[in-house]
Amino acid sequence: MELVIATTIGAMLLVAVAEVAQLFGKEVEVVRDESDWRLQESLVRMADDTKRAWYVEVPETDVLQLTDAYGNVTRYEHDADAKTLTVLRPSGATGTVLTGIESFTVDARTIERYREGTTLDTYDTWWVDDTSLGGASEAIPVEDGLPLALGFTLDTTAPDWVHTLDGVTEQNELATLERLVLPLAFVPPVAEGSSSSGGSSGSDDSGIGTSSFAGPDASDGGDSSAFGDCDDGGKGGSSGKGKGGSSGKGKGSSGCGKGSSGGCGDDSCDDSDCSDDGSSGGSSKKAEICHIPPGNPDNAKTLSVSVNAVAAHLAHGDSEGACGTSVAGPDPADSVLYLDLYEAATPGDGRPYGALLGSTSVPASALPSGTWSWVSKGTSSAATHGGGSGGKGVAVCHIPPGNPSAAHTIHVGASAVSAHVAHGDVLGSCDDSLDADSTLVLQYDAPLVDVPLDLTPLNGLIQPGRAHTLVLRVAGSGTVVVAGQPVGSDAHTGIASVNVPGGAYSALDLTVPRSLDGMRSASQTVKHDVINGVTLTLQTVDGERSSASAAVASQVAVDNPWLGCVPGEFPGLELAGQ
């Protein structure tokens, strides 16, 4: 009996449970049939897909496109005509998610991501050195066996105008060597005793701009006091041209002399032909020169003058040898300026290091002509045109041959200076020089004109941060002169030279204002506004409205703009080896 009762009660309980379950199911079905539930269920599904996506795109405000790490795409889209929300699965299958949908909107939130774009290639001046303390330029001579090295390094950081994004610094990636611009000039070989090229007065400090080439010494012999202007006489005379009178020195019809009755007789006789003793001529040795009348070069004619007078004639613009001929000597047209490319040990060090990377050349005669002047060591006067001392002419310390103790100061015309120097005299007063053995040195003027030199034959590809140097060397006669600027220290100037043929490079306390042009390749950063979250809103034709938000896990987990993903990147494919 008890068993029957228990069984009956159990059956009743099961019936009750079933009835309750059936009732609950009916209630659930009623809820599911409500449009609000359908909206929420669809929003939850789309939100879950958004969270798991590798990146999210919103091509239109009513389209949500989700891509996973393998490139598989799921697309939710509203069909305004059919009033439906449809889905396109990665397999290509399509289906309707909801019907009776009036609108579907996607509001996206974005985060910045950076990626390297296509390099920016431009032709510009990619390197400049204009360092200077503001002092006067100095001449740096470059001669055969005495090269000059100019160091440079392409910066790793690109110039400001390349930067396009705030907080992003672009980098130089490569540069080509196509043109070097610097102030330089060429001075052909200068003959001993020749006059200056018209440059400004020299300095008593030979310094870096002074060549080691010395002028003539006293071994030529001859008393040079007879050359130049006649200090004691006056203009006049019974015949010819010149300076004469009852006393003094002058040129007469029978020759040249220094005596009581001299006067000039013909054009072939120059002031500098006068000898010391009043005789009718100077040295018995003669030389031919081509006399070129000032302002009338077409009337040039050959003269035979004393060898002692050649330098003075050259100072007036005449040339050695008969007209129509030339004196044999080094041909400046054969001189060549080479530009050799090397690596350097460190930035700021101009000394070449390692093997030659490339070389190009330019004829030295194609460069602008340089200027120069003779400068006497220990004096402040130079053999240049014009000038003088108190209107008396140029001061010269005249040293009688064999009797240096009788040296005395005289003043002569600028045109006669070279002749005096050729016979052992010294520029400047004897009180200034005091040294009968003083000689002249050749001083070059710093060039003022920037000259572009073609470097394209070098095929140089310069990497940033890697030190290089261009070595300027001369093959042949003459001197290439480069302008330098003092910087007060030889540390990291990038300028080095060889002072003795075959010697080592030494750093200079000068810099050379110069620039390098060519193609510069610089990085270009591209900014991507990547979606890191969305808000989805559905509205039915009945006016019911529901929304949901979701964050893209792959984006919100990474703050660094260079990390995270951007559309088109699929690490899943890379991991799979595709």
Protein backbone atom coordinates (compact mmCIF):
# COMPACT_ATOMS: atom_id res chain seq x y z
CA MET A 1 0.00 0.00 0.00
CA GLU A 2 2.77 2.41 0.89
CA LEU A 3 4.45 1.66 -2.40
CA VAL A 4 1.28 2.48 -4.32
CA ILE A 5 0.90 5.74 -2.46
CA ALA A 6 4.51 6.76 -3.17
CA THR A 7 4.14 5.92 -6.81
CA THR A 8 0.96 7.95 -7.11
CA ILE A 9 2.52 10.97 -5.43
CA GLY A 10 5.58 10.78 -7.72
CA ALA A 11 3.39 10.69 -10.77
CA MET A 12 1.49 13.69 -9.60
CA LEU A 13 4.74 15.59 -9.02
CA LEU A 14 6.03 14.74 -12.47
CA VAL A 15 2.82 15.96 -14.03
CA ALA A 16 3.09 19.18 -12.09
CA VAL A 17 6.70 19.69 -13.14
CA ALA A 18 5.80 19.07 -16.75
CA GLU A 19 2.97 21.53 -16.60
CA VAL A 20 5.27 24.14 -15.08
CA ALA A 21 7.95 23.50 -17.71
CA GLN A 22 5.36 23.75 -20.46
CA LEU A 23 4.10 27.00 -19.03
CA PHE A 24 7.69 28.37 -18.77
CA GLY A 25 8.36 27.36 -22.34
CA LYS A 26 5.30 29.18 -23.51
CA GLU A 27 6.41 32.28 -21.63
CA VAL A 28 9.86 32.06 -23.19
CA GLU A 29 8.34 31.68 -26.63
CA VAL A 30 6.24 34.75 -26.06
CA VAL A 31 9.38 36.72 -25.13
CA ARG A 32 11.27 35.44 -28.16
CA ASP A 33 8.45 36.48 -30.41
CA GLU A 34 8.77 40.03 -29.23
CA SER A 35 10.84 42.20 -31.64
CA ASP A 36 12.92 43.67 -28.81
CA TRP A 37 14.31 40.25 -27.99
CA ARG A 38 15.14 39.65 -31.60
CA LEU A 39 17.00 42.96 -31.80
CA GLN A 40 19.00 42.25 -28.65
CA GLU A 41 19.93 38.77 -29.76
CA SER A 42 21.22 40.06 -33.10
CA LEU A 43 23.12 42.93 -31.49
CA VAL A 44 24.77 40.55 -29.03
CA ARG A 45 25.91 38.32 -31.89
CA MET A 46 27.38 41.22 -33.87
CA ALA A 47 29.07 42.60 -30.75
CA ASP A 48 30.70 39.24 -30.05
CA ASP A 49 31.97 39.03 -33.63
CA THR A 50 33.36 42.58 -33.32
CA LYS A 51 35.32 41.77 -30.15
CA ARG A 52 36.99 38.77 -31.76
CA ALA A 53 37.81 40.51 -35.07
CA TRP A 54 41.40 41.26 -36.04
CA TYR A 55 40.31 44.57 -37.48
CA VAL A 56 36.99 46.26 -38.21
CA GLU A 57 35.92 48.40 -41.15
CA VAL A 58 32.81 50.50 -41.75
CA PRO A 59 32.60 51.11 -45.51
CA GLU A 60 29.17 52.69 -45.08
CA THR A 61 27.29 53.83 -42.00
CA ASP A 62 24.97 50.79 -42.34
CA VAL A 63 27.69 48.22 -43.05
CA LEU A 64 29.83 46.39 -40.49
CA GLN A 65 32.75 44.42 -41.95
CA LEU A 66 34.78 42.16 -39.65
CA THR A 67 38.08 40.49 -40.63
CA ASP A 68 39.85 37.83 -38.56
CA ALA A 69 43.61 37.20 -38.34
CA TYR A 70 43.44 34.86 -41.35
CA GLY A 71 41.72 37.32 -43.62
CA ASN A 72 38.25 35.77 -43.33
CA VAL A 73 35.52 38.39 -43.69
CA THR A 74 32.05 38.57 -42.13
CA ARG A 75 29.81 41.37 -43.34
CA TYR A 76 26.58 42.69 -41.80
CA GLU A 77 24.60 45.02 -44.04
CA HIS A 78 21.20 46.73 -44.04
CA ASP A 79 18.99 46.41 -47.12
CA ALA A 80 16.92 49.58 -47.07
CA ASP A 81 14.55 48.38 -49.81
CA ALA A 82 13.82 44.97 -48.27
CA LYS A 83 13.92 46.34 -44.72
CA THR A 84 16.23 43.52 -43.66
CA LEU A 85 19.57 42.98 -41.94
CA THR A 86 21.65 40.46 -43.89
CA VAL A 87 24.91 38.65 -43.22
CA LEU A 88 27.66 37.40 -45.54
CA ARG A 89 29.75 34.61 -43.98
CA PRO A 90 33.41 33.81 -44.86
CA SER A 91 32.20 30.74 -46.72
CA GLY A 92 30.25 32.96 -49.09
CA ALA A 93 26.88 31.99 -47.66
CA THR A 94 24.37 34.78 -47.14
CA GLY A 95 21.26 34.98 -45.00
CA THR A 96 18.73 37.26 -43.39
CA VAL A 97 19.33 38.02 -39.74
CA LEU A 98 16.30 40.24 -39.13
CA THR A 99 13.29 41.48 -41.06
CA GLY A 100 11.26 44.61 -40.56
CA ILE A 101 14.37 46.67 -39.92
CA GLU A 102 14.01 50.33 -40.75
CA SER A 103 17.61 51.27 -40.08
CA PHE A 104 20.99 49.92 -39.01
CA THR A 105 23.76 52.36 -38.06
CA VAL A 106 27.37 51.80 -37.05
CA ASP A 107 29.19 54.55 -35.11
CA ALA A 108 32.95 53.86 -35.04
CA ARG A 109 35.66 54.98 -32.62
CA THR A 110 39.23 55.09 -33.93
CA ILE A 111 42.84 54.97 -32.75
CA GLU A 112 45.96 56.12 -34.63
CA ARG A 113 48.33 53.50 -35.98
CA TYR A 114 51.62 54.29 -37.82
CA ARG A 115 53.28 52.38 -40.61
CA GLU A 116 56.18 53.08 -42.95
CA GLY A 117 55.02 54.36 -46.30
CA THR A 118 56.78 54.79 -49.65
CA THR A 119 60.07 56.67 -49.25
CA LEU A 120 60.17 60.33 -50.24
CA ASP A 121 62.79 60.90 -52.97
CA THR A 122 63.78 64.53 -53.62
CA TYR A 123 66.73 66.33 -55.18
CA ASP A 124 68.02 68.89 -52.70
CA THR A 125 71.03 70.12 -50.76
CA TRP A 126 71.24 67.34 -48.21
CA TRP A 127 74.43 68.42 -46.45
CA VAL A 128 75.81 71.87 -45.61
CA ASP A 129 78.73 73.13 -43.54
CA ASP A 130 78.57 76.87 -42.93
CA THR A 131 80.31 76.86 -39.54
CA SER A 132 82.34 80.01 -38.94
CA LEU A 133 83.47 82.36 -36.21
CA GLY A 134 82.96 85.26 -38.57
CA GLY A 135 86.66 85.92 -39.25
CA ALA A 136 88.29 86.65 -42.57
CA SER A 137 88.57 83.76 -45.01
CA GLU A 138 91.93 82.07 -45.37
CA ALA A 139 93.38 80.42 -48.45
CA ILE A 140 94.12 76.69 -48.36
CA PRO A 141 96.46 75.70 -51.21
CA VAL A 142 96.07 72.28 -52.83
CA GLU A 143 99.08 71.24 -54.90
CA ASP A 144 100.48 68.13 -56.48
CA GLY A 145 101.29 65.80 -53.56
CA LEU A 146 99.51 68.04 -51.03
CA PRO A 147 95.84 67.02 -51.04
CA LEU A 148 92.98 68.39 -48.96
CA ALA A 149 90.28 66.16 -47.40
CA LEU A 150 86.74 67.40 -46.78
CA GLY A 151 84.75 65.17 -44.45
CA PHE A 152 80.96 64.88 -44.33
CA THR A 153 78.26 62.67 -42.83
CA LEU A 154 74.62 62.32 -43.86
CA ASP A 155 72.46 62.95 -40.79
CA THR A 156 70.18 60.15 -39.68
CA THR A 157 67.35 62.61 -39.06
CA ALA A 158 65.58 64.06 -42.08
CA PRO A 159 65.04 67.85 -42.27
CA ASP A 160 61.98 69.42 -40.70
CA TRP A 161 60.18 69.92 -43.99
CA VAL A 162 60.06 66.14 -44.48
CA HIS A 163 58.19 65.63 -41.19
CA THR A 164 54.44 65.58 -41.75
CA LEU A 165 53.04 64.01 -38.56
CA ASP A 166 53.25 65.58 -35.11
CA GLY A 167 55.51 63.59 -32.85
CA VAL A 168 56.96 61.51 -35.69
CA THR A 169 60.58 62.12 -36.78
CA GLU A 170 61.40 60.98 -40.29
CA GLN A 171 64.77 59.40 -41.07
CA ASN A 172 67.19 59.77 -43.97
CA GLU A 173 67.69 56.45 -45.67
CA LEU A 174 70.10 57.23 -48.51
CA ALA A 175 71.62 60.07 -50.52
CA THR A 176 73.47 60.32 -53.81
CA LEU A 177 76.54 62.46 -54.52
CA GLU A 178 75.79 64.63 -57.54
CA ARG A 179 77.27 68.07 -56.87
CA LEU A 180 79.80 69.70 -54.54
CA VAL A 181 79.69 73.48 -54.15
CA LEU A 182 82.58 75.31 -52.49
CA PRO A 183 84.72 78.45 -52.98
CA LEU A 184 87.85 77.63 -54.94
CA ALA A 185 90.04 78.93 -57.75
CA PHE A 186 93.07 77.91 -59.79
CA VAL A 187 96.40 79.73 -59.90
CA PRO A 188 98.75 78.63 -62.70
CA PRO A 189 102.45 78.31 -61.92
CA VAL A 190 103.85 81.69 -60.81
CA ALA A 191 107.31 82.62 -62.13
CA GLU A 192 109.91 83.77 -59.65
CA GLY A 193 110.05 87.53 -59.48
CA SER A 194 106.78 88.06 -61.35
CA SER A 195 104.42 90.73 -60.19
CA SER A 196 101.25 90.07 -58.27
CA SER A 197 97.99 89.14 -59.93
CA GLY A 198 96.30 92.22 -58.62
CA GLY A 199 95.23 90.79 -55.30
CA SER A 200 95.05 92.80 -52.15
CA SER A 201 98.03 93.41 -49.93
CA GLY A 202 99.38 90.36 -48.21
CA SER A 203 99.97 89.69 -44.57
CA ASP A 204 103.19 89.28 -42.72
CA ASP A 205 101.88 86.03 -41.30
CA SER A 206 102.25 83.41 -43.99
CA GLY A 207 99.80 81.12 -42.17
CA ILE A 208 97.75 78.45 -43.90
CA GLY A 209 97.21 80.61 -46.97
CA THR A 210 100.90 80.99 -47.81
CA SER A 211 102.68 78.60 -50.10
CA SER A 212 106.14 77.39 -49.23
CA PHE A 213 107.34 78.66 -52.63
CA ALA A 214 110.10 81.23 -51.99
CA GLY A 215 111.00 84.14 -54.20
CA PRO A 216 114.41 84.95 -55.64
CA ASP A 217 117.38 85.61 -53.39
CA ALA A 218 120.43 87.83 -53.61
CA SER A 219 122.47 85.33 -55.58
CA ASP A 220 121.39 86.93 -58.86
CA GLY A 221 123.76 89.77 -58.20
CA GLY A 222 123.48 93.38 -59.28
CA ASP A 223 122.76 96.54 -57.41
CA SER A 224 119.00 96.92 -57.56
CA SER A 225 118.93 100.53 -56.42
CA ALA A 226 119.25 101.57 -60.05
CA PHE A 227 115.86 100.09 -60.96
CA GLY A 228 112.63 102.01 -60.82
CA ASP A 229 112.02 105.71 -60.43
CA CYS A 230 114.77 108.32 -60.44
CA ASP A 231 114.59 109.81 -56.97
CA ASP A 232 116.88 112.79 -57.56
CA GLY A 233 116.12 114.03 -61.03
CA GLY A 234 113.33 115.95 -62.67
CA LYS A 235 111.48 115.57 -65.91
CA GLY A 236 113.11 117.12 -68.94
CA GLY A 237 116.11 116.52 -71.13
CA SER A 238 117.01 117.54 -74.64
CA SER A 239 115.75 114.45 -76.36
CA GLY A 240 113.77 111.27 -75.89
CA LYS A 241 111.53 110.47 -73.01
CA GLY A 242 112.34 110.12 -69.40
CA LYS A 243 113.60 111.85 -66.39
CA GLY A 244 116.75 113.78 -66.42
CA GLY A 245 118.32 117.14 -65.86
CA SER A 246 121.62 118.40 -64.68
CA SER A 247 121.95 115.58 -62.23
CA GLY A 248 120.25 112.35 -61.34
CA LYS A 249 119.67 109.33 -63.45
CA GLY A 250 117.93 108.92 -66.75
CA LYS A 251 117.97 107.51 -70.23
CA GLY A 252 119.85 109.09 -73.05
CA SER A 253 119.91 108.60 -76.80
CA SER A 254 123.03 106.50 -76.53
CA GLY A 255 121.70 104.19 -73.88
CA CYS A 256 120.74 104.15 -70.29
CA GLY A 257 122.74 105.62 -67.52
CA LYS A 258 122.83 107.22 -64.17
CA GLY A 259 124.96 110.31 -64.32
CA SER A 260 125.07 114.03 -64.86
CA SER A 261 123.68 114.33 -68.35
CA GLY A 262 121.33 111.45 -68.90
CA GLY A 263 118.03 111.52 -70.69
CA CYS A 264 115.79 109.01 -72.39
CA GLY A 265 116.07 108.61 -76.07
CA ASP A 266 113.79 105.82 -77.28
CA ASP A 267 110.88 103.59 -76.28
CA SER A 268 113.01 100.50 -75.91
CA CYS A 269 114.63 101.87 -72.82
CA ASP A 270 112.76 101.43 -69.54
CA ASP A 271 113.41 102.94 -66.12
CA SER A 272 114.52 99.56 -64.91
CA ASP A 273 117.26 99.34 -67.59
CA CYS A 274 119.35 101.85 -65.69
CA SER A 275 122.53 100.56 -64.10
CA ASP A 276 124.19 101.93 -60.98
CA ASP A 277 127.20 103.58 -62.51
CA GLY A 278 125.95 106.03 -65.11
CA SER A 279 127.29 103.98 -68.01
CA SER A 280 125.43 103.77 -71.28
CA GLY A 281 123.91 100.40 -70.49
CA GLY A 282 123.25 97.81 -67.86
CA SER A 283 124.29 94.18 -67.96
CA SER A 284 125.88 92.96 -71.14
CA LYS A 285 123.48 90.04 -71.17
CA LYS A 286 120.36 90.63 -73.17
CA ALA A 287 116.98 88.93 -73.30
CA GLU A 288 114.06 89.21 -75.66
CA ILE A 289 110.69 90.30 -74.36
CA CYS A 290 107.39 90.99 -76.08
CA HIS A 291 106.53 94.59 -75.20
CA ILE A 292 102.77 95.15 -75.07
CA PRO A 293 101.89 98.86 -74.95
CA PRO A 294 99.18 99.50 -72.33
CA GLY A 295 95.77 99.75 -74.00
CA ASN A 296 97.24 98.84 -77.39
CA PRO A 297 98.00 95.12 -77.42
CA ASP A 298 97.80 95.02 -81.23
CA ASN A 299 101.00 97.08 -81.36
CA ALA A 300 103.07 94.55 -79.43
CA LYS A 301 106.70 94.35 -80.53
CA THR A 302 109.83 92.42 -79.65
CA LEU A 303 112.52 94.22 -77.62
CA SER A 304 115.97 93.18 -76.51
CA VAL A 305 116.64 94.34 -72.97
CA SER A 306 119.07 93.67 -70.19
CA VAL A 307 118.38 90.47 -68.35
CA ASN A 308 118.29 92.62 -65.24
CA ALA A 309 115.23 94.44 -66.62
CA VAL A 310 113.14 91.41 -67.57
CA ALA A 311 111.27 91.23 -64.26
CA ALA A 312 110.31 94.90 -64.43
CA HIS A 313 108.97 94.49 -67.96
CA LEU A 314 106.94 91.47 -66.87
CA ALA A 315 105.56 93.59 -64.04
CA HIS A 316 104.21 96.01 -66.67
CA GLY A 317 102.41 93.24 -68.55
CA ASP A 318 105.07 92.30 -71.08
CA SER A 319 105.92 88.64 -71.68
CA GLU A 320 109.15 86.72 -72.00
CA GLY A 321 110.36 85.79 -75.44
CA ALA A 322 109.78 87.34 -78.81
CA CYS A 323 106.22 88.21 -79.74
CA GLY A 324 104.48 85.21 -81.21
CA THR A 325 106.56 82.80 -79.13
CA SER A 326 106.29 81.59 -75.59
CA VAL A 327 108.76 80.53 -72.96
CA ALA A 328 108.66 76.81 -72.31
CA GLY A 329 107.31 75.85 -68.94
CA PRO A 330 104.60 73.85 -67.23
CA ASP A 331 101.34 73.97 -69.14
CA PRO A 332 98.48 74.73 -66.75
CA ALA A 333 96.09 73.17 -69.27
CA ASP A 334 97.55 69.80 -68.29
CA SER A 335 96.72 70.26 -64.61
CA VAL A 336 93.78 68.27 -63.26
CA LEU A 337 91.78 68.51 -60.04
CA TYR A 338 90.73 65.06 -58.83
CA LEU A 339 87.94 64.41 -56.36
CA ASP A 340 88.29 61.04 -54.64
CA LEU A 341 85.61 59.49 -52.41
CA TYR A 342 86.60 57.54 -49.30
CA GLU A 343 85.06 56.53 -46.06
CA ALA A 344 86.30 58.31 -42.94
CA ALA A 345 86.95 56.76 -39.57
CA THR A 346 84.41 58.80 -37.61
CA PRO A 347 82.07 61.74 -38.22
CA GLY A 348 83.98 65.02 -37.97
CA ASP A 349 87.22 63.36 -39.09
CA GLY A 350 88.12 64.24 -42.67
CA ARG A 351 91.04 61.82 -42.98
CA PRO A 352 90.36 59.12 -45.60
CA TYR A 353 89.98 55.56 -44.37
CA GLY A 354 89.98 52.34 -46.33
CA ALA A 355 89.84 51.79 -50.06
CA LEU A 356 88.99 54.33 -52.74
CA LEU A 357 85.24 54.26 -53.44
CA GLY A 358 85.22 56.39 -56.58
CA SER A 359 86.97 59.21 -58.38
CA THR A 360 86.17 61.99 -60.83
CA SER A 361 88.13 64.95 -62.19
CA VAL A 362 87.87 68.40 -63.71
CA PRO A 363 90.52 70.33 -65.70
CA ALA A 364 92.08 72.87 -63.38
CA SER A 365 92.03 75.44 -66.17
CA ALA A 366 88.21 75.26 -66.16
CA LEU A 367 88.13 76.69 -62.63
CA PRO A 368 87.95 80.42 -61.90
CA SER A 369 91.31 82.20 -61.90
CA GLY A 370 92.74 82.88 -58.47
CA THR A 371 94.70 85.89 -57.26
CA TRP A 372 97.94 86.07 -55.32
CA SER A 373 100.69 88.37 -54.12
CA TRP A 374 104.29 88.24 -53.00
CA VAL A 375 104.69 88.71 -49.26
CA SER A 376 107.97 89.29 -47.45
CA LYS A 377 108.45 87.39 -44.25
CA GLY A 378 108.61 89.75 -41.29
CA THR A 379 107.14 92.73 -43.14
CA SER A 380 103.66 94.00 -43.75
CA SER A 381 104.16 95.22 -47.32
CA ALA A 382 103.36 93.21 -50.43
CA ALA A 383 104.36 93.51 -54.05
CA THR A 384 100.94 94.48 -55.27
CA HIS A 385 99.83 97.18 -57.64
CA GLY A 386 99.43 100.62 -56.09
CA GLY A 387 99.95 101.50 -52.47
CA GLY A 388 103.08 102.79 -50.92
CA SER A 389 104.27 104.68 -47.89
CA GLY A 390 103.16 108.25 -47.37
CA GLY A 391 102.89 108.83 -51.11
CA LYS A 392 106.60 108.05 -51.64
CA GLY A 393 106.04 104.68 -53.29
CA VAL A 394 106.70 101.17 -51.98
CA ALA A 395 109.33 100.85 -49.27
CA VAL A 396 112.18 98.50 -50.20
CA CYS A 397 115.18 97.59 -48.12
CA HIS A 398 118.02 97.82 -50.63
CA ILE A 399 120.90 95.45 -49.86
CA PRO A 400 124.04 96.22 -51.91
CA PRO A 401 125.58 92.98 -53.21
CA GLY A 402 128.48 91.91 -51.02
CA ASN A 403 127.81 94.70 -48.56
CA PRO A 404 124.66 93.82 -46.57
CA SER A 405 125.76 96.08 -43.72
CA ALA A 406 125.08 99.06 -46.00
CA ALA A 407 121.43 98.14 -46.46
CA HIS A 408 119.17 101.17 -46.57
CA THR A 409 115.53 101.96 -47.24
CA ILE A 410 114.44 103.37 -50.58
CA HIS A 411 110.99 104.04 -52.04
CA VAL A 412 110.24 102.91 -55.58
CA GLY A 413 107.24 102.67 -57.86
CA ALA A 414 105.12 99.56 -57.53
CA SER A 415 106.05 98.51 -61.05
CA ALA A 416 109.72 98.32 -60.11
CA VAL A 417 109.31 96.24 -56.95
CA SER A 418 109.73 92.87 -58.66
CA ALA A 419 113.00 93.90 -60.26
CA HIS A 420 114.39 94.98 -56.90
CA VAL A 421 113.31 91.76 -55.29
CA ALA A 422 114.86 89.79 -58.16
CA HIS A 423 118.22 91.25 -57.19
CA GLY A 424 118.04 90.46 -53.49
CA ASP A 425 116.27 93.44 -52.00
CA VAL A 426 113.48 92.92 -49.46
CA LEU A 427 110.06 94.49 -49.30
CA GLY A 428 109.55 96.90 -46.46
CA SER A 429 111.89 99.26 -44.72
CA CYS A 430 115.17 97.99 -43.37
CA ASP A 431 113.97 98.87 -39.89
CA ASP A 432 111.09 96.42 -40.34
CA SER A 433 112.97 93.54 -41.92
CA LEU A 434 116.49 93.74 -40.42
CA ASP A 435 117.24 90.46 -42.14
CA ALA A 436 119.24 90.70 -45.33
CA ASP A 437 118.47 87.04 -46.06
CA SER A 438 114.68 87.55 -46.06
CA THR A 439 112.81 86.20 -49.06
CA LEU A 440 109.38 86.55 -50.50
CA VAL A 441 106.77 83.87 -50.30
CA LEU A 442 103.77 83.50 -52.53
CA GLN A 443 100.48 84.15 -50.77
CA TYR A 444 97.16 83.22 -52.33
CA ASP A 445 93.97 85.16 -51.81
CA ALA A 446 90.99 83.23 -50.48
CA PRO A 447 88.53 82.70 -53.35
CA LEU A 448 85.14 84.35 -52.98
CA VAL A 449 83.14 82.58 -55.69
CA ASP A 450 81.33 79.30 -55.03
CA VAL A 451 82.04 76.75 -57.75
CA PRO A 452 79.79 73.74 -58.47
CA LEU A 453 81.66 70.51 -59.21
CA ASP A 454 79.92 67.55 -60.84
CA LEU A 455 80.15 64.38 -58.73
CA THR A 456 77.75 62.13 -60.64
CA PRO A 457 80.59 59.97 -62.06
CA LEU A 458 81.33 58.86 -58.49
CA ASN A 459 78.03 56.93 -58.32
CA GLY A 460 78.23 57.57 -54.61
CA LEU A 461 75.47 56.18 -52.40
CA ILE A 462 75.81 57.67 -48.93
CA GLN A 463 74.22 55.95 -45.95
CA PRO A 464 73.18 58.03 -42.94
CA GLY A 465 75.48 58.15 -39.94
CA ARG A 466 78.41 56.78 -41.92
CA ALA A 467 81.39 59.13 -42.23
CA HIS A 468 82.83 59.88 -45.67
CA THR A 469 85.37 62.29 -47.09
CA LEU A 470 86.11 63.87 -50.47
CA VAL A 471 89.83 64.26 -51.17
CA LEU A 472 90.83 67.13 -53.47
CA ARG A 473 94.18 66.51 -55.15
CA VAL A 474 96.00 68.20 -58.02
CA ALA A 475 97.95 66.39 -60.69
CA GLY A 476 100.25 68.73 -62.60
CA SER A 477 101.47 72.27 -62.10
CA GLY A 478 99.70 75.15 -60.45
CA THR A 479 97.64 75.43 -57.30
CA VAL A 480 93.96 75.00 -56.54
CA VAL A 481 93.07 77.40 -53.76
CA VAL A 482 90.15 76.67 -51.41
CA ALA A 483 88.66 79.23 -49.02
CA GLY A 484 88.62 78.26 -45.36
CA GLN A 485 86.98 79.79 -42.29
CA PRO A 486 88.65 79.76 -38.85
CA VAL A 487 86.78 77.85 -36.17
CA GLY A 488 89.23 78.08 -33.28
CA SER A 489 89.88 74.35 -32.92
CA ASP A 490 90.86 71.44 -35.11
CA ALA A 491 88.50 69.10 -33.25
CA HIS A 492 85.81 67.58 -35.48
CA THR A 493 86.17 70.16 -38.26
CA GLY A 494 86.22 67.41 -40.87
CA ILE A 495 89.07 69.18 -42.69
CA ALA A 496 92.51 67.61 -43.04
CA SER A 497 95.49 68.20 -45.30
CA VAL A 498 98.91 66.79 -46.15
CA ASN A 499 101.69 69.32 -45.57
CA VAL A 500 104.61 67.26 -46.89
CA PRO A 501 104.40 65.10 -50.03
CA GLY A 502 103.87 61.53 -48.93
CA GLY A 503 103.08 62.61 -45.38
CA ALA A 504 100.08 61.87 -43.20
CA TYR A 505 96.90 63.91 -43.00
CA SER A 506 96.63 66.48 -40.23
CA ALA A 507 93.43 68.08 -38.98
CA LEU A 508 93.07 71.82 -39.62
CA ASP A 509 91.50 74.43 -37.35
CA LEU A 510 89.54 75.62 -40.38
CA THR A 511 86.32 74.64 -42.01
CA VAL A 512 85.45 74.98 -45.66
CA PRO A 513 81.97 76.35 -46.41
CA ARG A 514 80.54 73.75 -48.75
CA SER A 515 77.39 71.88 -49.63
CA LEU A 516 76.47 68.58 -51.22
CA ASP A 517 73.51 68.11 -53.57
CA GLY A 518 71.82 64.96 -54.77
CA MET A 519 68.81 62.70 -54.40
CA ARG A 520 67.75 62.18 -50.81
CA SER A 521 65.56 59.24 -49.82
CA ALA A 522 63.72 59.79 -46.56
CA SER A 523 61.17 57.74 -44.68
CA GLN A 524 57.52 58.67 -44.87
CA THR A 525 55.21 57.61 -42.06
CA VAL A 526 51.60 56.85 -42.93
CA LYS A 527 48.88 57.32 -40.34
CA HIS A 528 45.99 54.87 -40.18
CA ASP A 529 42.82 55.70 -38.26
CA VAL A 530 41.95 52.18 -37.13
CA ILE A 531 38.58 51.31 -35.56
CA ASN A 532 38.96 50.18 -31.97
CA GLY A 533 35.29 50.18 -30.99
CA VAL A 534 31.75 50.47 -32.40
CA THR A 535 28.23 51.29 -31.27
CA LEU A 536 25.53 49.36 -33.19
CA THR A 537 21.93 50.59 -33.37
CA LEU A 538 18.91 48.76 -34.85
CA GLN A 539 15.48 50.24 -35.36
CA THR A 540 12.39 48.36 -36.55
CA VAL A 541 9.68 49.61 -38.85
CA ASP A 542 7.49 49.78 -35.74
CA GLY A 543 9.80 52.32 -34.20
CA GLU A 544 11.42 50.01 -31.64
CA ARG A 545 15.09 50.83 -31.13
CA SER A 546 17.99 48.99 -29.46
CA SER A 547 21.76 49.52 -29.23
CA ALA A 548 24.92 47.69 -28.17
CA SER A 549 28.61 48.61 -27.95
CA ALA A 550 31.72 46.54 -28.42
CA ALA A 551 35.49 47.09 -28.28
CA VAL A 552 37.96 45.49 -30.70
CA ALA A 553 40.20 43.46 -28.40
CA SER A 554 43.18 43.45 -30.80
CA GLN A 555 43.25 47.29 -30.74
CA VAL A 556 42.41 48.28 -27.19
CA ALA A 557 45.07 45.95 -25.83
CA VAL A 558 47.90 47.96 -27.50
CA ASP A 559 48.56 51.68 -27.00
CA ASN A 560 51.80 52.03 -29.02
CA PRO A 561 50.82 53.47 -32.41
CA TRP A 562 53.52 51.44 -34.16
CA LEU A 563 52.01 48.21 -32.79
CA GLY A 564 48.49 46.89 -33.08
CA CYS A 565 47.13 45.96 -36.47
CA VAL A 566 45.98 47.91 -39.51
CA PRO A 567 43.76 46.77 -42.36
CA GLY A 568 45.63 44.49 -44.71
CA GLU A 569 47.93 42.92 -42.11
CA PHE A 570 47.23 39.27 -41.29
CA PRO A 571 49.56 37.70 -38.71
CA GLY A 572 47.52 34.52 -38.84
CA LEU A 573 48.58 34.04 -42.46
CA GLU A 574 52.22 34.68 -41.55
CA LEU A 575 52.06 32.13 -38.74
CA ALA A 576 50.49 29.64 -41.10
CA GLY A 577 53.29 30.24 -43.60
CA GLN A 578 50.99 31.60 -46.28
